[in-house]
Amino acid sequence: MKPTRVWDLLALFLIAGVASWILVRVLYGQLPPIPIYAGASLYPIAGIELIAALMIRARINDHRIGDGPRQLHPITAARAVALAKASALVGAASAGVWLGFLLWVFPQRSNLRAAVSDSPGAIVGLVAGVLLVAAALWLEHCCKTPDDPPDEPAH
């Protein structure tokens, strides 16, 4: 499986940001208020992926891969990679949506009281999306197989 390409994540981030900016520009008056915790649901997922990455990395570095107890089953590593790839896409899209929202809301802060109260929730969401992308890319990186040591020449 190929590693997640950063350019793909950036493209998704930008597309989501532009689409969100257009929608917010047109529909802002019809949107409900954005609470501070609106985008916070991604923080626990990023934390879980960070912990999983550390555990997987430790087991791979200790060569504890296999079917036994306290070993990392190869299927588990493959599932972690799939989770990381999906999470990176979700995080990039989410961060793009929140950035598009902020790009419209921030200039309106002097004119609209609602824009002032919506900004913190959007910032929390933007940071959560970025952290999820970072945790997902780290998890994917930690699931790589270690390089084989060079063959020793025969004496």
C-alpha atoms as a PDB file:
ATOM      1  CA  MET A   1       0.000   0.000   0.000  1.00  0.00           C
ATOM      2  CA  LYS A   2       1.340   3.401  -0.943  1.00  0.00           C
ATOM      3  CA  PRO A   3       1.755   6.072   1.717  1.00  0.00           C
ATOM      4  CA  THR A   4      -0.786   8.877   1.834  1.00  0.00           C
ATOM      5  CA  ARG A   5       0.303  11.724  -0.396  1.00  0.00           C
ATOM      6  CA  VAL A   6       0.414  15.131   1.233  1.00  0.00           C
ATOM      7  CA  TRP A   7      -0.606  16.753  -2.059  1.00  0.00           C
ATOM      8  CA  ASP A   8      -3.857  14.754  -2.039  1.00  0.00           C
ATOM      9  CA  LEU A   9      -4.585  15.975   1.477  1.00  0.00           C
ATOM     10  CA  LEU A  10      -3.791  19.574   0.529  1.00  0.00           C
ATOM     11  CA  ALA A  11      -6.062  19.349  -2.529  1.00  0.00           C
ATOM     12  CA  LEU A  12      -8.923  17.998  -0.409  1.00  0.00           C
ATOM     13  CA  PHE A  13      -8.270  20.695   2.205  1.00  0.00           C
ATOM     14  CA  LEU A  14      -8.433  23.457  -0.420  1.00  0.00           C
ATOM     15  CA  ILE A  15     -11.519  22.076  -2.192  1.00  0.00           C
ATOM     16  CA  ALA A  16     -13.367  21.715   1.111  1.00  0.00           C
ATOM     17  CA  GLY A  17     -12.273  25.202   2.136  1.00  0.00           C
ATOM     18  CA  VAL A  18     -13.490  26.863  -1.057  1.00  0.00           C
ATOM     19  CA  ALA A  19     -16.795  24.941  -1.019  1.00  0.00           C
ATOM     20  CA  SER A  20     -17.343  25.817   2.635  1.00  0.00           C
ATOM     21  CA  TRP A  21     -16.545  29.494   2.059  1.00  0.00           C
ATOM     22  CA  ILE A  22     -19.074  29.649  -0.794  1.00  0.00           C
ATOM     23  CA  LEU A  23     -21.778  27.906   1.230  1.00  0.00           C
ATOM     24  CA  VAL A  24     -21.203  30.013   4.335  1.00  0.00           C
ATOM     25  CA  ARG A  25     -21.214  33.181   2.249  1.00  0.00           C
ATOM     26  CA  VAL A  26     -24.599  32.277   0.798  1.00  0.00           C
ATOM     27  CA  LEU A  27     -26.229  30.581   3.806  1.00  0.00           C
ATOM     28  CA  TYR A  28     -24.672  32.154   6.918  1.00  0.00           C
ATOM     29  CA  GLY A  29     -27.904  33.759   8.081  1.00  0.00           C
ATOM     30  CA  GLN A  30     -29.638  30.375   8.048  1.00  0.00           C
ATOM     31  CA  LEU A  31     -26.954  28.471   9.968  1.00  0.00           C
ATOM     32  CA  PRO A  32     -27.377  27.718  13.677  1.00  0.00           C
ATOM     33  CA  PRO A  33     -24.842  29.171  16.125  1.00  0.00           C
ATOM     34  CA  ILE A  34     -21.532  27.305  16.238  1.00  0.00           C
ATOM     35  CA  PRO A  35     -20.769  26.152  19.797  1.00  0.00           C
ATOM     36  CA  ILE A  36     -17.178  26.019  21.014  1.00  0.00           C
ATOM     37  CA  TYR A  37     -17.236  22.202  21.041  1.00  0.00           C
ATOM     38  CA  ALA A  38     -18.611  21.810  17.484  1.00  0.00           C
ATOM     39  CA  GLY A  39     -15.369  20.516  16.002  1.00  0.00           C
ATOM     40  CA  ALA A  40     -13.977  18.992  19.172  1.00  0.00           C
ATOM     41  CA  SER A  41     -15.120  15.447  18.349  1.00  0.00           C
ATOM     42  CA  LEU A  42     -11.941  14.911  16.352  1.00  0.00           C
ATOM     43  CA  TYR A  43      -9.647  15.452  19.358  1.00  0.00           C
ATOM     44  CA  PRO A  44     -10.319  12.043  20.974  1.00  0.00           C
ATOM     45  CA  ILE A  45      -9.822  10.296  17.645  1.00  0.00           C
ATOM     46  CA  ALA A  46      -6.497  12.064  17.157  1.00  0.00           C
ATOM     47  CA  GLY A  47      -5.488  11.086  20.700  1.00  0.00           C
ATOM     48  CA  ILE A  48      -6.413   7.440  20.165  1.00  0.00           C
ATOM     49  CA  GLU A  49      -4.445   7.355  16.923  1.00  0.00           C
ATOM     50  CA  LEU A  50      -1.434   8.922  18.616  1.00  0.00           C
ATOM     51  CA  ILE A  51      -1.514   6.292  21.392  1.00  0.00           C
ATOM     52  CA  ALA A  52      -1.949   3.512  18.815  1.00  0.00           C
ATOM     53  CA  ALA A  53       1.008   4.868  16.838  1.00  0.00           C
ATOM     54  CA  LEU A  54       3.246   4.828  19.903  1.00  0.00           C
ATOM     55  CA  MET A  55       2.213   1.272  20.815  1.00  0.00           C
ATOM     56  CA  ILE A  56       2.635  -0.018  17.274  1.00  0.00           C
ATOM     57  CA  ARG A  57       5.983   1.706  16.869  1.00  0.00           C
ATOM     58  CA  ALA A  58       7.274   0.185  20.104  1.00  0.00           C
ATOM     59  CA  ARG A  59       6.252  -3.324  19.076  1.00  0.00           C
ATOM     60  CA  ILE A  60       7.735  -2.986  15.600  1.00  0.00           C
ATOM     61  CA  ASN A  61      10.994  -1.580  16.986  1.00  0.00           C
ATOM     62  CA  ASP A  62      11.193  -4.492  19.464  1.00  0.00           C
ATOM     63  CA  HIS A  63      10.479  -6.973  16.647  1.00  0.00           C
ATOM     64  CA  ARG A  64       7.344  -8.149  18.466  1.00  0.00           C
ATOM     65  CA  ILE A  65       5.312  -8.918  15.362  1.00  0.00           C
ATOM     66  CA  GLY A  66       3.317 -12.123  15.109  1.00  0.00           C
ATOM     67  CA  ASP A  67       0.447 -14.120  16.593  1.00  0.00           C
ATOM     68  CA  GLY A  68       1.685 -14.429  20.161  1.00  0.00           C
ATOM     69  CA  PRO A  69       0.639 -12.507  23.235  1.00  0.00           C
ATOM     70  CA  ARG A  70       1.995  -8.950  23.481  1.00  0.00           C
ATOM     71  CA  GLN A  71       2.832  -9.110  19.770  1.00  0.00           C
ATOM     72  CA  LEU A  72       1.471  -6.993  16.957  1.00  0.00           C
ATOM     73  CA  HIS A  73      -0.527  -9.088  14.534  1.00  0.00           C
ATOM     74  CA  PRO A  74       0.205  -8.045  10.917  1.00  0.00           C
ATOM     75  CA  ILE A  75      -3.535  -7.715  10.223  1.00  0.00           C
ATOM     76  CA  THR A  76      -3.798  -5.247  13.097  1.00  0.00           C
ATOM     77  CA  ALA A  77      -1.056  -3.144  11.530  1.00  0.00           C
ATOM     78  CA  ALA A  78      -2.860  -3.249   8.173  1.00  0.00           C
ATOM     79  CA  ARG A  79      -6.086  -2.141   9.834  1.00  0.00           C
ATOM     80  CA  ALA A  80      -4.252   0.688  11.562  1.00  0.00           C
ATOM     81  CA  VAL A  81      -2.906   1.862   8.202  1.00  0.00           C
ATOM     82  CA  ALA A  82      -6.424   1.813   6.734  1.00  0.00           C
ATOM     83  CA  LEU A  83      -7.697   3.796   9.733  1.00  0.00           C
ATOM     84  CA  ALA A  84      -4.847   6.278   9.361  1.00  0.00           C
ATOM     85  CA  LYS A  85      -5.527   6.830   5.671  1.00  0.00           C
ATOM     86  CA  ALA A  86      -9.247   7.384   6.260  1.00  0.00           C
ATOM     87  CA  SER A  87      -8.602   9.671   9.231  1.00  0.00           C
ATOM     88  CA  ALA A  88      -6.144  11.780   7.266  1.00  0.00           C
ATOM     89  CA  LEU A  89      -8.813  12.386   4.625  1.00  0.00           C
ATOM     90  CA  VAL A  90     -11.477  13.201   7.222  1.00  0.00           C
ATOM     91  CA  GLY A  91      -9.119  15.556   9.041  1.00  0.00           C
ATOM     92  CA  ALA A  92      -8.097  17.361   5.844  1.00  0.00           C
ATOM     93  CA  ALA A  93     -11.710  17.790   4.733  1.00  0.00           C
ATOM     94  CA  SER A  94     -12.801  18.920   8.196  1.00  0.00           C
ATOM     95  CA  ALA A  95      -9.955  21.411   8.513  1.00  0.00           C
ATOM     96  CA  GLY A  96     -10.800  22.770   5.066  1.00  0.00           C
ATOM     97  CA  VAL A  97     -14.465  23.214   5.973  1.00  0.00           C
ATOM     98  CA  TRP A  98     -13.603  25.070   9.168  1.00  0.00           C
ATOM     99  CA  LEU A  99     -11.031  27.234   7.393  1.00  0.00           C
ATOM    100  CA  GLY A 100     -13.567  28.185   4.721  1.00  0.00           C
ATOM    101  CA  PHE A 101     -15.997  29.065   7.492  1.00  0.00           C
ATOM    102  CA  LEU A 102     -13.388  31.204   9.243  1.00  0.00           C
ATOM    103  CA  LEU A 103     -12.362  32.968   6.046  1.00  0.00           C
ATOM    104  CA  TRP A 104     -15.884  34.313   5.724  1.00  0.00           C
ATOM    105  CA  VAL A 105     -16.604  34.848   9.422  1.00  0.00           C
ATOM    106  CA  PHE A 106     -13.424  36.676  10.456  1.00  0.00           C
ATOM    107  CA  PRO A 107     -13.904  39.717   8.201  1.00  0.00           C
ATOM    108  CA  GLN A 108     -17.531  39.938   9.404  1.00  0.00           C
ATOM    109  CA  ARG A 109     -16.593  40.146  13.080  1.00  0.00           C
ATOM    110  CA  SER A 110     -16.855  43.945  13.146  1.00  0.00           C
ATOM    111  CA  ASN A 111     -20.335  43.869  11.579  1.00  0.00           C
ATOM    112  CA  LEU A 112     -21.992  40.742  12.989  1.00  0.00           C
ATOM    113  CA  ARG A 113     -22.171  39.742  16.627  1.00  0.00           C
ATOM    114  CA  ALA A 114     -22.884  36.162  15.538  1.00  0.00           C
ATOM    115  CA  ALA A 115     -19.553  36.051  13.691  1.00  0.00           C
ATOM    116  CA  VAL A 116     -17.742  36.896  16.923  1.00  0.00           C
ATOM    117  CA  SER A 117     -19.459  34.089  18.838  1.00  0.00           C
ATOM    118  CA  ASP A 118     -19.037  31.560  15.990  1.00  0.00           C
ATOM    119  CA  SER A 119     -15.287  32.090  15.602  1.00  0.00           C
ATOM    120  CA  PRO A 120     -14.015  30.126  18.645  1.00  0.00           C
ATOM    121  CA  GLY A 121     -15.928  26.981  17.667  1.00  0.00           C
ATOM    122  CA  ALA A 122     -14.561  27.186  14.137  1.00  0.00           C
ATOM    123  CA  ILE A 123     -11.011  27.634  15.430  1.00  0.00           C
ATOM    124  CA  VAL A 124     -11.410  24.584  17.687  1.00  0.00           C
ATOM    125  CA  GLY A 125     -12.634  22.603  14.665  1.00  0.00           C
ATOM    126  CA  LEU A 126      -9.801  23.780  12.429  1.00  0.00           C
ATOM    127  CA  VAL A 127      -7.160  22.825  15.009  1.00  0.00           C
ATOM    128  CA  ALA A 128      -8.859  19.452  15.574  1.00  0.00           C
ATOM    129  CA  GLY A 129      -8.777  18.695  11.847  1.00  0.00           C
ATOM    130  CA  VAL A 130      -5.105  19.584  11.564  1.00  0.00           C
ATOM    131  CA  LEU A 131      -4.244  17.494  14.643  1.00  0.00           C
ATOM    132  CA  LEU A 132      -6.170  14.534  13.239  1.00  0.00           C
ATOM    133  CA  VAL A 133      -4.216  14.734   9.978  1.00  0.00           C
ATOM    134  CA  ALA A 134      -0.934  14.886  11.900  1.00  0.00           C
ATOM    135  CA  ALA A 135      -1.868  11.939  14.154  1.00  0.00           C
ATOM    136  CA  ALA A 136      -3.073   9.898  11.178  1.00  0.00           C
ATOM    137  CA  LEU A 137       0.108  10.505   9.189  1.00  0.00           C
ATOM    138  CA  TRP A 138       2.186   9.587  12.250  1.00  0.00           C
ATOM    139  CA  LEU A 139       0.189   6.378  12.750  1.00  0.00           C
ATOM    140  CA  GLU A 140       0.664   5.458   9.102  1.00  0.00           C
ATOM    141  CA  HIS A 141       4.395   6.149   9.390  1.00  0.00           C
ATOM    142  CA  CYS A 142       4.692   4.015  12.543  1.00  0.00           C
ATOM    143  CA  CYS A 143       3.114   1.036  10.751  1.00  0.00           C
ATOM    144  CA  LYS A 144       5.936   0.809   8.217  1.00  0.00           C
ATOM    145  CA  THR A 145       8.060  -2.278   8.376  1.00  0.00           C
ATOM    146  CA  PRO A 146      11.587  -1.626   9.617  1.00  0.00           C
ATOM    147  CA  ASP A 147      14.445  -1.753   7.178  1.00  0.00           C
ATOM    148  CA  ASP A 148      16.218  -5.092   7.053  1.00  0.00           C
ATOM    149  CA  PRO A 149      19.750  -5.006   8.457  1.00  0.00           C
ATOM    150  CA  PRO A 150      22.432  -5.421   5.806  1.00  0.00           C
ATOM    151  CA  ASP A 151      23.631  -8.950   5.241  1.00  0.00           C
ATOM    152  CA  GLU A 152      26.797  -9.818   7.093  1.00  0.00           C
ATOM    153  CA  PRO A 153      29.620 -10.976   4.821  1.00  0.00           C
ATOM    154  CA  ALA A 154      30.766 -14.560   5.379  1.00  0.00           C
ATOM    155  CA  HIS A 155      34.065 -14.907   7.238  1.00  0.00           C
END
